[in-house]
Amino acid sequence: MRAKRCVRTWLGLLLGMTVTVLGTLTPSALARTNGPAPPAPTGPPGPGRAGPDTTVPTVARLWPVGLRPTVLRSWDPPATPYGRGHRGVDLAAAPGSPVRAVSAGRVSFAGRVAGRGVISVELTGTGTPPLRTTFTPVRATVSKGYEVAAGEVLGTLEAPGTREPGGSHCPVSCLHWGLLRANTYLNPLSLLPPGLLHRRPSRLLPVIGVPSQPS
């Protein structure tokens, strides 16, 4: 009987000492004792995680070429980052046509990529990171860091196939117009306000109350 009481007494003392020691350990010491913390989640944004801002303000003041160019091929985003698709729009335009900035911004790139002339403009007041328009194939008349206003000429459209190793992907001469925020491709036509995107043909109004000229 006395032996059992001694065992219970020693067990109680041992438990009390264990609780006291654990209470004095710092969180870092506990982390070392229990092993490293699990890594932070990575990969594409999930529920509750913020993704890239895909909103596009209608800041364009004009089309990059012409007054109302024909869209030869529309925006067709790929299902996956490396999938097939069309990351922009193709606008019909003759070689040598002036290519203009659709909104105020800063030239972030002007040079050649894979034999094609490429110009990229970061648009002012479009968030962080800013929206970025791209134009190809264009012979640049501006350089990196140049501040441009809406409608300012960036360069001239190059003839298809003259500087592209694989030729142009357009059936006729065209400007490829792209839009990105960071590495996310967006629809560049979203920059255009409805008045520019769906411009109606002009109509002649009847002349009333004006006397006819004598023959």
N, C-alpha and C. Protein backbone atom coordinates (compact mmCIF):
# COMPACT_ATOMS: atom_id res chain seq x y z
N MET A 1 0.85 -1.21 0.00
CA MET A 1 0.00 0.00 0.00
C MET A 1 0.87 1.23 0.00
N ARG A 2 1.90 1.23 0.86
CA ARG A 2 2.80 2.38 0.92
C ARG A 2 3.55 2.55 -0.39
N ALA A 3 3.90 1.43 -1.08
CA ALA A 3 4.61 1.50 -2.36
C ALA A 3 3.75 2.15 -3.41
N LYS A 4 2.44 1.83 -3.44
CA LYS A 4 1.53 2.44 -4.42
C LYS A 4 1.41 3.93 -4.20
N ARG A 5 1.34 4.35 -2.91
CA ARG A 5 1.25 5.79 -2.63
C ARG A 5 2.52 6.49 -3.09
N CYS A 6 3.67 5.88 -2.93
CA CYS A 6 4.93 6.49 -3.36
C CYS A 6 4.98 6.65 -4.88
N VAL A 7 4.49 5.62 -5.58
CA VAL A 7 4.48 5.70 -7.06
C VAL A 7 3.59 6.83 -7.53
N ARG A 8 2.37 6.95 -6.90
CA ARG A 8 1.47 8.04 -7.30
C ARG A 8 2.08 9.39 -6.99
N THR A 9 2.79 9.49 -5.88
CA THR A 9 3.42 10.76 -5.51
C THR A 9 4.48 11.14 -6.53
N TRP A 10 5.34 10.20 -6.91
CA TRP A 10 6.40 10.49 -7.89
C TRP A 10 5.82 10.83 -9.26
N LEU A 11 4.74 10.14 -9.65
CA LEU A 11 4.11 10.45 -10.95
C LEU A 11 3.54 11.87 -10.94
N GLY A 12 2.94 12.28 -9.82
CA GLY A 12 2.40 13.63 -9.72
C GLY A 12 3.49 14.68 -9.81
N LEU A 13 4.61 14.41 -9.10
CA LEU A 13 5.73 15.37 -9.16
C LEU A 13 6.30 15.47 -10.58
N LEU A 14 6.43 14.32 -11.25
CA LEU A 14 6.98 14.32 -12.61
C LEU A 14 6.08 15.08 -13.57
N LEU A 15 4.75 14.91 -13.46
CA LEU A 15 3.81 15.61 -14.33
C LEU A 15 3.87 17.12 -14.10
N GLY A 16 3.96 17.51 -12.82
CA GLY A 16 4.05 18.93 -12.51
C GLY A 16 5.30 19.57 -13.09
N MET A 17 6.43 18.87 -13.02
CA MET A 17 7.67 19.40 -13.56
C MET A 17 7.59 19.54 -15.09
N THR A 18 6.93 18.56 -15.75
CA THR A 18 6.80 18.62 -17.22
C THR A 18 5.98 19.83 -17.65
N VAL A 19 4.86 20.07 -16.98
CA VAL A 19 4.01 21.23 -17.31
C VAL A 19 4.77 22.53 -17.10
N THR A 20 5.56 22.60 -16.02
CA THR A 20 6.33 23.82 -15.74
C THR A 20 7.36 24.09 -16.82
N VAL A 21 8.08 23.04 -17.26
CA VAL A 21 9.10 23.22 -18.29
C VAL A 21 8.48 23.66 -19.60
N LEU A 22 7.36 23.04 -20.02
CA LEU A 22 6.70 23.42 -21.28
C LEU A 22 6.19 24.84 -21.24
N GLY A 23 5.75 25.29 -20.08
CA GLY A 23 5.26 26.66 -19.96
C GLY A 23 6.34 27.69 -20.13
N THR A 24 7.61 27.33 -19.89
CA THR A 24 8.70 28.28 -20.02
C THR A 24 9.31 28.30 -21.41
N LEU A 25 8.93 27.35 -22.29
CA LEU A 25 9.50 27.32 -23.63
C LEU A 25 8.93 28.44 -24.48
N THR A 26 9.76 29.08 -25.32
CA THR A 26 9.32 30.13 -26.24
C THR A 26 8.70 29.49 -27.47
N PRO A 27 7.90 30.26 -28.25
CA PRO A 27 7.32 29.69 -29.48
C PRO A 27 8.37 29.16 -30.44
N SER A 28 9.55 29.83 -30.53
CA SER A 28 10.58 29.33 -31.44
C SER A 28 11.13 28.01 -30.96
N ALA A 29 11.26 27.85 -29.63
CA ALA A 29 11.75 26.58 -29.11
C ALA A 29 10.74 25.47 -29.38
N LEU A 30 9.44 25.79 -29.22
CA LEU A 30 8.43 24.79 -29.51
C LEU A 30 8.46 24.40 -30.98
N ALA A 31 8.71 25.40 -31.88
CA ALA A 31 8.78 25.11 -33.30
C ALA A 31 9.92 24.16 -33.60
N ARG A 32 11.10 24.37 -32.91
CA ARG A 32 12.23 23.47 -33.11
C ARG A 32 11.91 22.08 -32.59
N THR A 33 11.13 22.03 -31.53
CA THR A 33 10.79 20.73 -30.95
C THR A 33 9.84 19.96 -31.85
N ASN A 34 8.85 20.67 -32.42
CA ASN A 34 7.82 20.02 -33.21
C ASN A 34 8.18 19.89 -34.68
N GLY A 35 9.34 20.46 -35.11
CA GLY A 35 9.73 20.39 -36.51
C GLY A 35 9.34 21.66 -37.24
N PRO A 36 9.77 21.83 -38.50
CA PRO A 36 9.49 23.04 -39.26
C PRO A 36 8.01 23.19 -39.58
N ALA A 37 7.58 24.44 -39.72
CA ALA A 37 6.19 24.70 -40.05
C ALA A 37 5.93 24.32 -41.50
N PRO A 38 4.69 23.96 -41.84
CA PRO A 38 4.40 23.59 -43.23
C PRO A 38 4.60 24.78 -44.14
N PRO A 39 5.03 24.56 -45.40
CA PRO A 39 5.27 25.68 -46.32
C PRO A 39 3.99 26.41 -46.66
N ALA A 40 4.14 27.70 -47.03
CA ALA A 40 2.98 28.49 -47.43
C ALA A 40 2.44 27.96 -48.74
N PRO A 41 1.11 28.02 -48.94
CA PRO A 41 0.54 27.51 -50.19
C PRO A 41 1.02 28.30 -51.38
N THR A 42 1.27 27.59 -52.47
CA THR A 42 1.70 28.23 -53.71
C THR A 42 0.77 27.81 -54.82
N GLY A 43 1.00 28.35 -56.02
CA GLY A 43 0.19 27.97 -57.16
C GLY A 43 -0.82 29.04 -57.48
N PRO A 44 -1.78 28.74 -58.36
CA PRO A 44 -2.76 29.74 -58.78
C PRO A 44 -3.65 30.16 -57.64
N PRO A 45 -4.20 31.38 -57.68
CA PRO A 45 -5.06 31.84 -56.60
C PRO A 45 -6.26 30.94 -56.43
N GLY A 46 -6.59 30.67 -55.19
CA GLY A 46 -7.77 29.88 -54.88
C GLY A 46 -8.78 30.73 -54.13
N PRO A 47 -9.82 30.10 -53.56
CA PRO A 47 -10.81 30.86 -52.81
C PRO A 47 -10.17 31.64 -51.67
N GLY A 48 -10.47 32.91 -51.59
CA GLY A 48 -9.93 33.73 -50.52
C GLY A 48 -8.58 34.33 -50.81
N ARG A 49 -7.96 33.98 -51.98
CA ARG A 49 -6.66 34.53 -52.34
C ARG A 49 -6.82 35.49 -53.50
N ALA A 50 -6.14 36.63 -53.43
CA ALA A 50 -6.27 37.66 -54.46
C ALA A 50 -5.51 37.27 -55.70
N GLY A 51 -6.15 37.43 -56.88
CA GLY A 51 -5.51 37.18 -58.15
C GLY A 51 -5.22 38.49 -58.86
N PRO A 52 -4.73 38.43 -60.09
CA PRO A 52 -4.42 39.66 -60.83
C PRO A 52 -5.69 40.43 -61.16
N ASP A 53 -5.55 41.74 -61.19
CA ASP A 53 -6.68 42.61 -61.53
C ASP A 53 -6.93 42.51 -63.03
N THR A 54 -8.09 41.99 -63.41
CA THR A 54 -8.40 41.82 -64.82
C THR A 54 -9.37 42.88 -65.33
N THR A 55 -9.63 43.91 -64.55
CA THR A 55 -10.51 44.98 -65.01
C THR A 55 -9.76 45.86 -66.01
N VAL A 56 -10.47 46.31 -67.03
CA VAL A 56 -9.88 47.13 -68.08
C VAL A 56 -10.68 48.43 -68.19
N PRO A 57 -10.12 49.56 -67.78
CA PRO A 57 -10.83 50.84 -67.94
C PRO A 57 -10.83 51.27 -69.40
N THR A 58 -11.89 51.93 -69.81
CA THR A 58 -12.02 52.37 -71.20
C THR A 58 -11.28 53.70 -71.38
N VAL A 59 -9.95 53.62 -71.43
CA VAL A 59 -9.11 54.82 -71.49
C VAL A 59 -8.66 55.16 -72.90
N ALA A 60 -8.94 54.29 -73.88
CA ALA A 60 -8.48 54.55 -75.25
C ALA A 60 -9.23 55.74 -75.84
N ARG A 61 -8.49 56.59 -76.55
CA ARG A 61 -9.08 57.76 -77.19
C ARG A 61 -9.27 57.54 -78.69
N LEU A 62 -8.65 56.51 -79.24
CA LEU A 62 -8.72 56.23 -80.67
C LEU A 62 -8.20 54.83 -80.93
N TRP A 63 -8.40 54.33 -82.17
CA TRP A 63 -7.83 53.06 -82.59
C TRP A 63 -6.35 53.26 -82.87
N PRO A 64 -5.54 52.20 -82.73
CA PRO A 64 -4.10 52.37 -83.00
C PRO A 64 -3.79 52.59 -84.47
N VAL A 65 -4.65 52.11 -85.38
CA VAL A 65 -4.47 52.36 -86.82
C VAL A 65 -5.82 52.73 -87.43
N GLY A 66 -5.81 53.68 -88.35
CA GLY A 66 -7.03 54.04 -89.06
C GLY A 66 -8.08 54.66 -88.16
N LEU A 67 -9.29 54.82 -88.74
CA LEU A 67 -10.41 55.38 -87.99
C LEU A 67 -11.29 54.28 -87.42
N ARG A 68 -11.56 53.26 -88.20
CA ARG A 68 -12.35 52.11 -87.74
C ARG A 68 -11.89 50.89 -88.52
N PRO A 69 -10.71 50.34 -88.17
CA PRO A 69 -10.14 49.24 -88.95
C PRO A 69 -10.95 47.95 -88.80
N THR A 70 -10.84 47.11 -89.81
CA THR A 70 -11.48 45.80 -89.77
C THR A 70 -10.70 44.87 -88.84
N VAL A 71 -11.42 44.19 -87.95
CA VAL A 71 -10.79 43.21 -87.07
C VAL A 71 -10.71 41.88 -87.81
N LEU A 72 -9.52 41.53 -88.26
CA LEU A 72 -9.32 40.30 -89.02
C LEU A 72 -9.40 39.06 -88.13
N ARG A 73 -8.92 39.19 -86.92
CA ARG A 73 -8.96 38.07 -85.97
C ARG A 73 -9.14 38.64 -84.58
N SER A 74 -10.12 38.13 -83.85
CA SER A 74 -10.44 38.68 -82.54
C SER A 74 -9.63 37.99 -81.45
N TRP A 75 -9.80 38.48 -80.23
CA TRP A 75 -9.10 37.96 -79.06
C TRP A 75 -9.67 36.60 -78.69
N ASP A 76 -8.80 35.61 -78.52
CA ASP A 76 -9.21 34.24 -78.18
C ASP A 76 -8.26 33.71 -77.12
N PRO A 77 -8.53 33.99 -75.82
CA PRO A 77 -7.58 33.62 -74.77
C PRO A 77 -7.41 32.10 -74.68
N PRO A 78 -6.19 31.62 -74.46
CA PRO A 78 -5.97 30.18 -74.33
C PRO A 78 -6.52 29.66 -73.02
N ALA A 79 -6.84 28.38 -73.01
CA ALA A 79 -7.39 27.76 -71.80
C ALA A 79 -6.33 27.62 -70.72
N THR A 80 -5.06 27.48 -71.11
CA THR A 80 -3.94 27.36 -70.18
C THR A 80 -2.87 28.37 -70.58
N PRO A 81 -1.94 28.70 -69.66
CA PRO A 81 -0.90 29.69 -69.98
C PRO A 81 -0.11 29.35 -71.24
N TYR A 82 0.06 28.07 -71.55
CA TYR A 82 0.86 27.66 -72.71
C TYR A 82 -0.01 27.03 -73.80
N GLY A 83 -1.32 27.21 -73.71
CA GLY A 83 -2.21 26.62 -74.69
C GLY A 83 -2.33 27.46 -75.95
N ARG A 84 -3.04 26.90 -76.93
CA ARG A 84 -3.26 27.60 -78.19
C ARG A 84 -4.34 28.66 -78.01
N GLY A 85 -4.20 29.74 -78.74
CA GLY A 85 -5.17 30.82 -78.67
C GLY A 85 -4.65 32.02 -79.42
N HIS A 86 -5.32 33.14 -79.25
CA HIS A 86 -4.88 34.38 -79.88
C HIS A 86 -4.86 35.46 -78.82
N ARG A 87 -3.66 35.88 -78.42
CA ARG A 87 -3.48 36.77 -77.29
C ARG A 87 -3.48 38.24 -77.74
N GLY A 88 -4.53 38.62 -78.46
CA GLY A 88 -4.65 39.99 -78.95
C GLY A 88 -5.66 40.05 -80.07
N VAL A 89 -5.64 41.13 -80.85
CA VAL A 89 -6.51 41.26 -82.02
C VAL A 89 -5.66 41.70 -83.21
N ASP A 90 -6.07 41.30 -84.41
CA ASP A 90 -5.39 41.69 -85.64
C ASP A 90 -6.25 42.70 -86.37
N LEU A 91 -5.67 43.88 -86.65
CA LEU A 91 -6.38 44.95 -87.32
C LEU A 91 -5.81 45.14 -88.72
N ALA A 92 -6.69 45.18 -89.72
CA ALA A 92 -6.25 45.36 -91.09
C ALA A 92 -5.71 46.77 -91.28
N ALA A 93 -4.53 46.87 -91.89
CA ALA A 93 -3.91 48.16 -92.18
C ALA A 93 -2.85 47.96 -93.23
N ALA A 94 -2.63 48.99 -94.06
CA ALA A 94 -1.64 48.90 -95.13
C ALA A 94 -0.25 49.11 -94.59
N PRO A 95 0.76 48.48 -95.19
CA PRO A 95 2.14 48.73 -94.77
C PRO A 95 2.47 50.22 -94.85
N GLY A 96 3.20 50.70 -93.86
CA GLY A 96 3.54 52.11 -93.80
C GLY A 96 2.53 52.95 -93.05
N SER A 97 1.41 52.35 -92.64
CA SER A 97 0.40 53.11 -91.88
C SER A 97 0.97 53.54 -90.54
N PRO A 98 0.66 54.77 -90.09
CA PRO A 98 1.12 55.19 -88.77
C PRO A 98 0.42 54.41 -87.67
N VAL A 99 1.17 53.97 -86.67
CA VAL A 99 0.63 53.28 -85.50
C VAL A 99 0.70 54.25 -84.33
N ARG A 100 -0.43 54.49 -83.70
CA ARG A 100 -0.52 55.54 -82.68
C ARG A 100 -0.80 54.96 -81.29
N ALA A 101 -0.41 55.70 -80.27
CA ALA A 101 -0.73 55.33 -78.89
C ALA A 101 -2.22 55.56 -78.66
N VAL A 102 -2.90 54.59 -78.07
CA VAL A 102 -4.35 54.72 -77.87
C VAL A 102 -4.66 55.55 -76.64
N SER A 103 -3.68 55.71 -75.75
CA SER A 103 -3.87 56.49 -74.53
C SER A 103 -2.50 56.98 -74.08
N ALA A 104 -2.49 57.93 -73.16
CA ALA A 104 -1.22 58.45 -72.66
C ALA A 104 -0.47 57.37 -71.89
N GLY A 105 0.86 57.40 -72.01
CA GLY A 105 1.65 56.39 -71.30
C GLY A 105 3.13 56.58 -71.52
N ARG A 106 3.87 55.53 -71.20
CA ARG A 106 5.33 55.56 -71.32
C ARG A 106 5.78 54.33 -72.08
N VAL A 107 6.67 54.52 -73.05
CA VAL A 107 7.20 53.40 -73.84
C VAL A 107 8.10 52.55 -72.95
N SER A 108 7.72 51.29 -72.75
CA SER A 108 8.51 50.38 -71.92
C SER A 108 9.41 49.47 -72.75
N PHE A 109 9.13 49.37 -74.06
CA PHE A 109 9.99 48.58 -74.94
C PHE A 109 9.80 49.04 -76.38
N ALA A 110 10.89 49.13 -77.10
CA ALA A 110 10.85 49.44 -78.54
C ALA A 110 12.06 48.78 -79.17
N GLY A 111 11.82 47.69 -79.89
CA GLY A 111 12.92 46.95 -80.47
C GLY A 111 12.41 45.80 -81.31
N ARG A 112 13.27 44.80 -81.51
CA ARG A 112 12.92 43.67 -82.35
C ARG A 112 12.93 42.39 -81.52
N VAL A 113 11.91 41.57 -81.73
CA VAL A 113 11.78 40.28 -81.07
C VAL A 113 11.48 39.25 -82.16
N ALA A 114 12.36 38.26 -82.29
CA ALA A 114 12.22 37.22 -83.31
C ALA A 114 12.06 37.82 -84.70
N GLY A 115 12.80 38.89 -84.97
CA GLY A 115 12.78 39.49 -86.29
C GLY A 115 11.66 40.48 -86.53
N ARG A 116 10.78 40.67 -85.55
CA ARG A 116 9.65 41.58 -85.73
C ARG A 116 9.82 42.81 -84.85
N GLY A 117 9.40 43.95 -85.36
CA GLY A 117 9.42 45.16 -84.57
C GLY A 117 8.29 45.17 -83.56
N VAL A 118 8.63 45.41 -82.30
CA VAL A 118 7.64 45.39 -81.22
C VAL A 118 7.75 46.68 -80.42
N ILE A 119 6.59 47.26 -80.10
CA ILE A 119 6.52 48.43 -79.23
C ILE A 119 5.56 48.11 -78.10
N SER A 120 5.94 48.45 -76.87
CA SER A 120 5.10 48.25 -75.70
C SER A 120 4.96 49.57 -74.95
N VAL A 121 3.74 49.91 -74.56
CA VAL A 121 3.46 51.18 -73.88
C VAL A 121 2.70 50.89 -72.59
N GLU A 122 3.23 51.35 -71.45
CA GLU A 122 2.53 51.27 -70.17
C GLU A 122 1.57 52.46 -70.07
N LEU A 123 0.28 52.17 -69.85
CA LEU A 123 -0.74 53.21 -69.86
C LEU A 123 -0.83 53.91 -68.51
N THR A 124 -0.85 55.22 -68.54
CA THR A 124 -0.87 56.03 -67.32
C THR A 124 -2.21 55.89 -66.61
N GLY A 125 -2.17 55.81 -65.27
CA GLY A 125 -3.39 55.80 -64.45
C GLY A 125 -4.21 54.55 -64.58
N THR A 126 -3.58 53.40 -64.83
CA THR A 126 -4.34 52.15 -64.97
C THR A 126 -4.01 51.14 -63.89
N GLY A 127 -3.50 51.60 -62.73
CA GLY A 127 -3.28 50.71 -61.60
C GLY A 127 -1.85 50.21 -61.52
N THR A 128 -1.64 49.30 -60.55
CA THR A 128 -0.33 48.71 -60.29
C THR A 128 -0.45 47.19 -60.26
N PRO A 129 0.25 46.48 -61.16
CA PRO A 129 1.05 47.02 -62.26
C PRO A 129 0.16 47.62 -63.33
N PRO A 130 0.69 48.57 -64.11
CA PRO A 130 -0.16 49.23 -65.11
C PRO A 130 -0.50 48.32 -66.28
N LEU A 131 -1.58 48.66 -66.97
CA LEU A 131 -1.88 47.97 -68.21
C LEU A 131 -0.79 48.28 -69.23
N ARG A 132 -0.52 47.31 -70.11
CA ARG A 132 0.55 47.47 -71.08
C ARG A 132 0.05 47.04 -72.46
N THR A 133 0.07 47.96 -73.42
CA THR A 133 -0.33 47.63 -74.78
C THR A 133 0.91 47.27 -75.60
N THR A 134 0.73 46.35 -76.54
CA THR A 134 1.82 45.94 -77.42
C THR A 134 1.37 46.04 -78.87
N PHE A 135 2.31 46.37 -79.75
CA PHE A 135 2.02 46.52 -81.17
C PHE A 135 3.14 45.86 -81.98
N THR A 136 2.75 45.06 -82.98
CA THR A 136 3.72 44.39 -83.84
C THR A 136 3.06 44.01 -85.16
N PRO A 137 3.77 43.98 -86.31
CA PRO A 137 5.16 44.39 -86.52
C PRO A 137 5.23 45.89 -86.84
N VAL A 138 6.00 46.63 -86.07
CA VAL A 138 6.05 48.08 -86.21
C VAL A 138 7.51 48.53 -86.20
N ARG A 139 7.85 49.41 -87.13
CA ARG A 139 9.16 50.05 -87.11
C ARG A 139 9.04 51.28 -86.21
N ALA A 140 9.70 51.24 -85.06
CA ALA A 140 9.51 52.26 -84.03
C ALA A 140 10.16 53.58 -84.42
N THR A 141 9.47 54.65 -84.07
CA THR A 141 10.05 56.00 -84.16
C THR A 141 10.19 56.61 -82.77
N VAL A 142 9.94 55.80 -81.73
CA VAL A 142 10.12 56.22 -80.34
C VAL A 142 11.08 55.26 -79.68
N SER A 143 11.56 55.60 -78.50
CA SER A 143 12.49 54.75 -77.77
C SER A 143 11.98 54.52 -76.35
N LYS A 144 12.59 53.55 -75.67
CA LYS A 144 12.19 53.20 -74.31
C LYS A 144 12.30 54.41 -73.38
N GLY A 145 11.28 54.59 -72.55
CA GLY A 145 11.24 55.70 -71.61
C GLY A 145 10.55 56.95 -72.13
N TYR A 146 10.20 56.95 -73.42
CA TYR A 146 9.57 58.12 -74.02
C TYR A 146 8.12 58.24 -73.55
N GLU A 147 7.73 59.43 -73.12
CA GLU A 147 6.35 59.70 -72.70
C GLU A 147 5.52 60.07 -73.93
N VAL A 148 4.39 59.38 -74.10
CA VAL A 148 3.56 59.62 -75.28
C VAL A 148 2.17 60.07 -74.85
N ALA A 149 1.53 60.85 -75.71
CA ALA A 149 0.15 61.28 -75.51
C ALA A 149 -0.75 60.43 -76.39
N ALA A 150 -2.04 60.43 -76.08
CA ALA A 150 -2.99 59.70 -76.91
C ALA A 150 -2.96 60.25 -78.32
N GLY A 151 -2.83 59.37 -79.30
CA GLY A 151 -2.79 59.76 -80.69
C GLY A 151 -1.40 60.01 -81.23
N GLU A 152 -0.39 59.99 -80.37
CA GLU A 152 0.97 60.24 -80.84
C GLU A 152 1.49 59.03 -81.61
N VAL A 153 2.19 59.29 -82.71
CA VAL A 153 2.70 58.22 -83.57
C VAL A 153 3.86 57.50 -82.88
N LEU A 154 3.75 56.16 -82.83
CA LEU A 154 4.80 55.32 -82.24
C LEU A 154 5.75 54.77 -83.30
N GLY A 155 5.25 54.60 -84.51
CA GLY A 155 6.04 54.03 -85.58
C GLY A 155 5.15 53.76 -86.77
N THR A 156 5.68 53.00 -87.74
CA THR A 156 4.92 52.66 -88.95
C THR A 156 4.82 51.15 -89.08
N LEU A 157 3.70 50.70 -89.61
CA LEU A 157 3.45 49.28 -89.78
C LEU A 157 4.37 48.70 -90.85
N GLU A 158 5.04 47.60 -90.52
CA GLU A 158 5.93 46.95 -91.47
C GLU A 158 5.15 46.03 -92.39
N ALA A 159 5.68 45.82 -93.59
CA ALA A 159 5.06 44.91 -94.54
C ALA A 159 5.11 43.49 -94.00
N PRO A 160 4.08 42.68 -94.22
CA PRO A 160 4.08 41.31 -93.68
C PRO A 160 5.17 40.45 -94.30
N GLY A 161 5.87 39.74 -93.44
CA GLY A 161 6.85 38.77 -93.90
C GLY A 161 8.21 39.33 -94.24
N THR A 162 8.36 40.66 -94.30
CA THR A 162 9.65 41.20 -94.71
C THR A 162 10.71 41.01 -93.65
N ARG A 163 10.30 40.98 -92.38
CA ARG A 163 11.29 40.82 -91.31
C ARG A 163 10.90 39.70 -90.34
N GLU A 164 9.93 38.89 -90.72
CA GLU A 164 9.50 37.78 -89.88
C GLU A 164 10.00 36.48 -90.48
N PRO A 165 10.77 35.68 -89.71
CA PRO A 165 11.30 34.44 -90.26
C PRO A 165 10.23 33.50 -90.78
N GLY A 166 9.08 33.44 -90.11
CA GLY A 166 8.01 32.54 -90.54
C GLY A 166 6.92 33.23 -91.33
N GLY A 167 7.11 34.50 -91.69
CA GLY A 167 6.07 35.22 -92.39
C GLY A 167 4.99 35.70 -91.44
N SER A 168 4.07 36.49 -91.96
CA SER A 168 2.99 37.03 -91.14
C SER A 168 1.89 35.99 -90.95
N HIS A 169 1.23 35.99 -89.77
CA HIS A 169 0.13 35.07 -89.55
C HIS A 169 -1.18 35.63 -90.07
N CYS A 170 -1.17 36.88 -90.58
CA CYS A 170 -2.37 37.48 -91.15
C CYS A 170 -2.46 37.16 -92.64
N PRO A 171 -3.68 36.96 -93.18
CA PRO A 171 -3.81 36.73 -94.63
C PRO A 171 -3.46 37.97 -95.43
N VAL A 172 -3.61 39.14 -94.84
CA VAL A 172 -3.21 40.41 -95.45
C VAL A 172 -2.41 41.19 -94.42
N SER A 173 -1.95 42.37 -94.83
CA SER A 173 -1.18 43.21 -93.91
C SER A 173 -2.04 43.57 -92.70
N CYS A 174 -1.48 43.45 -91.50
CA CYS A 174 -2.25 43.72 -90.29
C CYS A 174 -1.34 44.17 -89.15
N LEU A 175 -1.97 44.79 -88.17
CA LEU A 175 -1.31 45.14 -86.92
C LEU A 175 -1.82 44.22 -85.83
N HIS A 176 -0.91 43.56 -85.11
CA HIS A 176 -1.31 42.75 -83.96
C HIS A 176 -1.24 43.65 -82.72
N TRP A 177 -2.39 43.81 -82.06
CA TRP A 177 -2.54 44.69 -80.90
C TRP A 177 -2.84 43.83 -79.69
N GLY A 178 -1.97 43.93 -78.66
CA GLY A 178 -2.15 43.13 -77.46
C GLY A 178 -2.29 44.00 -76.22
N LEU A 179 -2.77 43.40 -75.14
CA LEU A 179 -2.95 44.09 -73.87
C LEU A 179 -2.64 43.12 -72.73
N LEU A 180 -1.82 43.58 -71.78
CA LEU A 180 -1.47 42.75 -70.62
C LEU A 180 -1.53 43.58 -69.35
N ARG A 181 -1.77 42.86 -68.24
CA ARG A 181 -1.49 43.40 -66.90
C ARG A 181 -0.58 42.38 -66.24
N ALA A 182 0.67 42.79 -65.98
CA ALA A 182 1.72 41.85 -65.57
C ALA A 182 1.87 40.80 -66.68
N ASN A 183 1.64 39.51 -66.38
CA ASN A 183 1.76 38.47 -67.39
C ASN A 183 0.42 37.93 -67.85
N THR A 184 -0.66 38.62 -67.48
CA THR A 184 -2.01 38.18 -67.84
C THR A 184 -2.48 38.92 -69.09
N TYR A 185 -2.83 38.17 -70.13
CA TYR A 185 -3.33 38.77 -71.37
C TYR A 185 -4.80 39.12 -71.22
N LEU A 186 -5.16 40.30 -71.75
CA LEU A 186 -6.54 40.79 -71.70
C LEU A 186 -6.96 41.21 -73.10
N ASN A 187 -8.26 41.51 -73.25
CA ASN A 187 -8.79 41.89 -74.55
C ASN A 187 -8.52 43.37 -74.80
N PRO A 188 -7.71 43.73 -75.79
CA PRO A 188 -7.41 45.14 -76.03
C PRO A 188 -8.63 45.95 -76.48
N LEU A 189 -9.62 45.30 -77.09
CA LEU A 189 -10.81 46.04 -77.51
C LEU A 189 -11.59 46.58 -76.31
N SER A 190 -11.33 46.02 -75.11
CA SER A 190 -11.99 46.52 -73.90
C SER A 190 -11.54 47.93 -73.54
N LEU A 191 -10.41 48.38 -74.10
CA LEU A 191 -9.94 49.74 -73.84
C LEU A 191 -10.79 50.79 -74.54
N LEU A 192 -11.49 50.37 -75.61
CA LEU A 192 -12.24 51.31 -76.43
C LEU A 192 -13.61 51.59 -75.84
N PRO A 193 -14.02 52.85 -75.75
CA PRO A 193 -15.39 53.16 -75.32
C PRO A 193 -16.38 52.75 -76.40
N PRO A 194 -17.66 52.58 -76.04
CA PRO A 194 -18.65 52.13 -77.03
C PRO A 194 -18.73 53.01 -78.26
N GLY A 195 -18.53 54.33 -78.08
CA GLY A 195 -18.61 55.23 -79.22
C GLY A 195 -17.57 54.94 -80.29
N LEU A 196 -16.41 54.42 -79.90
CA LEU A 196 -15.37 54.06 -80.86
C LEU A 196 -15.50 52.61 -81.32
N LEU A 197 -15.95 51.77 -80.42
CA LEU A 197 -16.02 50.34 -80.73
C LEU A 197 -17.18 50.04 -81.67
N HIS A 198 -18.30 50.73 -81.49
CA HIS A 198 -19.50 50.47 -82.29
C HIS A 198 -19.96 51.76 -82.95
N ARG A 199 -19.07 52.38 -83.66
CA ARG A 199 -19.42 53.63 -84.33
C ARG A 199 -20.38 53.35 -85.48
N ARG A 200 -21.50 54.09 -85.49
CA ARG A 200 -22.48 53.92 -86.55
C ARG A 200 -22.09 54.75 -87.77
N PRO A 201 -22.49 54.30 -88.96
CA PRO A 201 -22.19 55.09 -90.15
C PRO A 201 -22.95 56.41 -90.14
N SER A 202 -22.32 57.46 -90.67
CA SER A 202 -22.96 58.77 -90.70
C SER A 202 -24.12 58.78 -91.70
N ARG A 203 -25.18 59.57 -91.39
CA ARG A 203 -26.34 59.67 -92.26
C ARG A 203 -26.54 61.12 -92.68
N LEU A 204 -27.04 61.32 -93.91
CA LEU A 204 -27.35 62.65 -94.39
C LEU A 204 -28.76 63.01 -93.94
N LEU A 205 -28.88 64.13 -93.22
CA LEU A 205 -30.18 64.58 -92.75
C LEU A 205 -30.88 65.39 -93.84
N PRO A 206 -32.22 65.33 -93.90
CA PRO A 206 -32.95 66.11 -94.91
C PRO A 206 -32.81 67.61 -94.65
N VAL A 207 -32.70 68.37 -95.72
CA VAL A 207 -32.60 69.82 -95.63
C VAL A 207 -34.00 70.42 -95.72
N ILE A 208 -34.42 71.11 -94.66
CA ILE A 208 -35.79 71.67 -94.59
C ILE A 208 -35.69 73.17 -94.42
N GLY A 209 -36.48 73.93 -95.19
CA GLY A 209 -36.56 75.36 -95.03
C GLY A 209 -35.48 76.13 -95.73
N VAL A 210 -34.66 75.48 -96.53
CA VAL A 210 -33.61 76.17 -97.27
C VAL A 210 -34.08 76.35 -98.72
N PRO A 211 -34.15 77.59 -99.20
CA PRO A 211 -34.64 77.80 -100.58
C PRO A 211 -33.70 77.19 -101.59
N SER A 212 -34.28 76.63 -102.63
CA SER A 212 -33.47 76.01 -103.68
C SER A 212 -32.80 77.07 -104.52
N GLN A 213 -31.63 76.72 -105.04
CA GLN A 213 -30.89 77.64 -105.88
C GLN A 213 -31.49 77.65 -107.29
N PRO A 214 -31.59 78.83 -107.90
CA PRO A 214 -32.12 78.89 -109.28
C PRO A 214 -31.18 78.19 -110.25
N SER A 215 -31.76 77.50 -111.18
CA SER A 215 -30.95 76.79 -112.17
C SER A 215 -30.36 77.76 -113.18
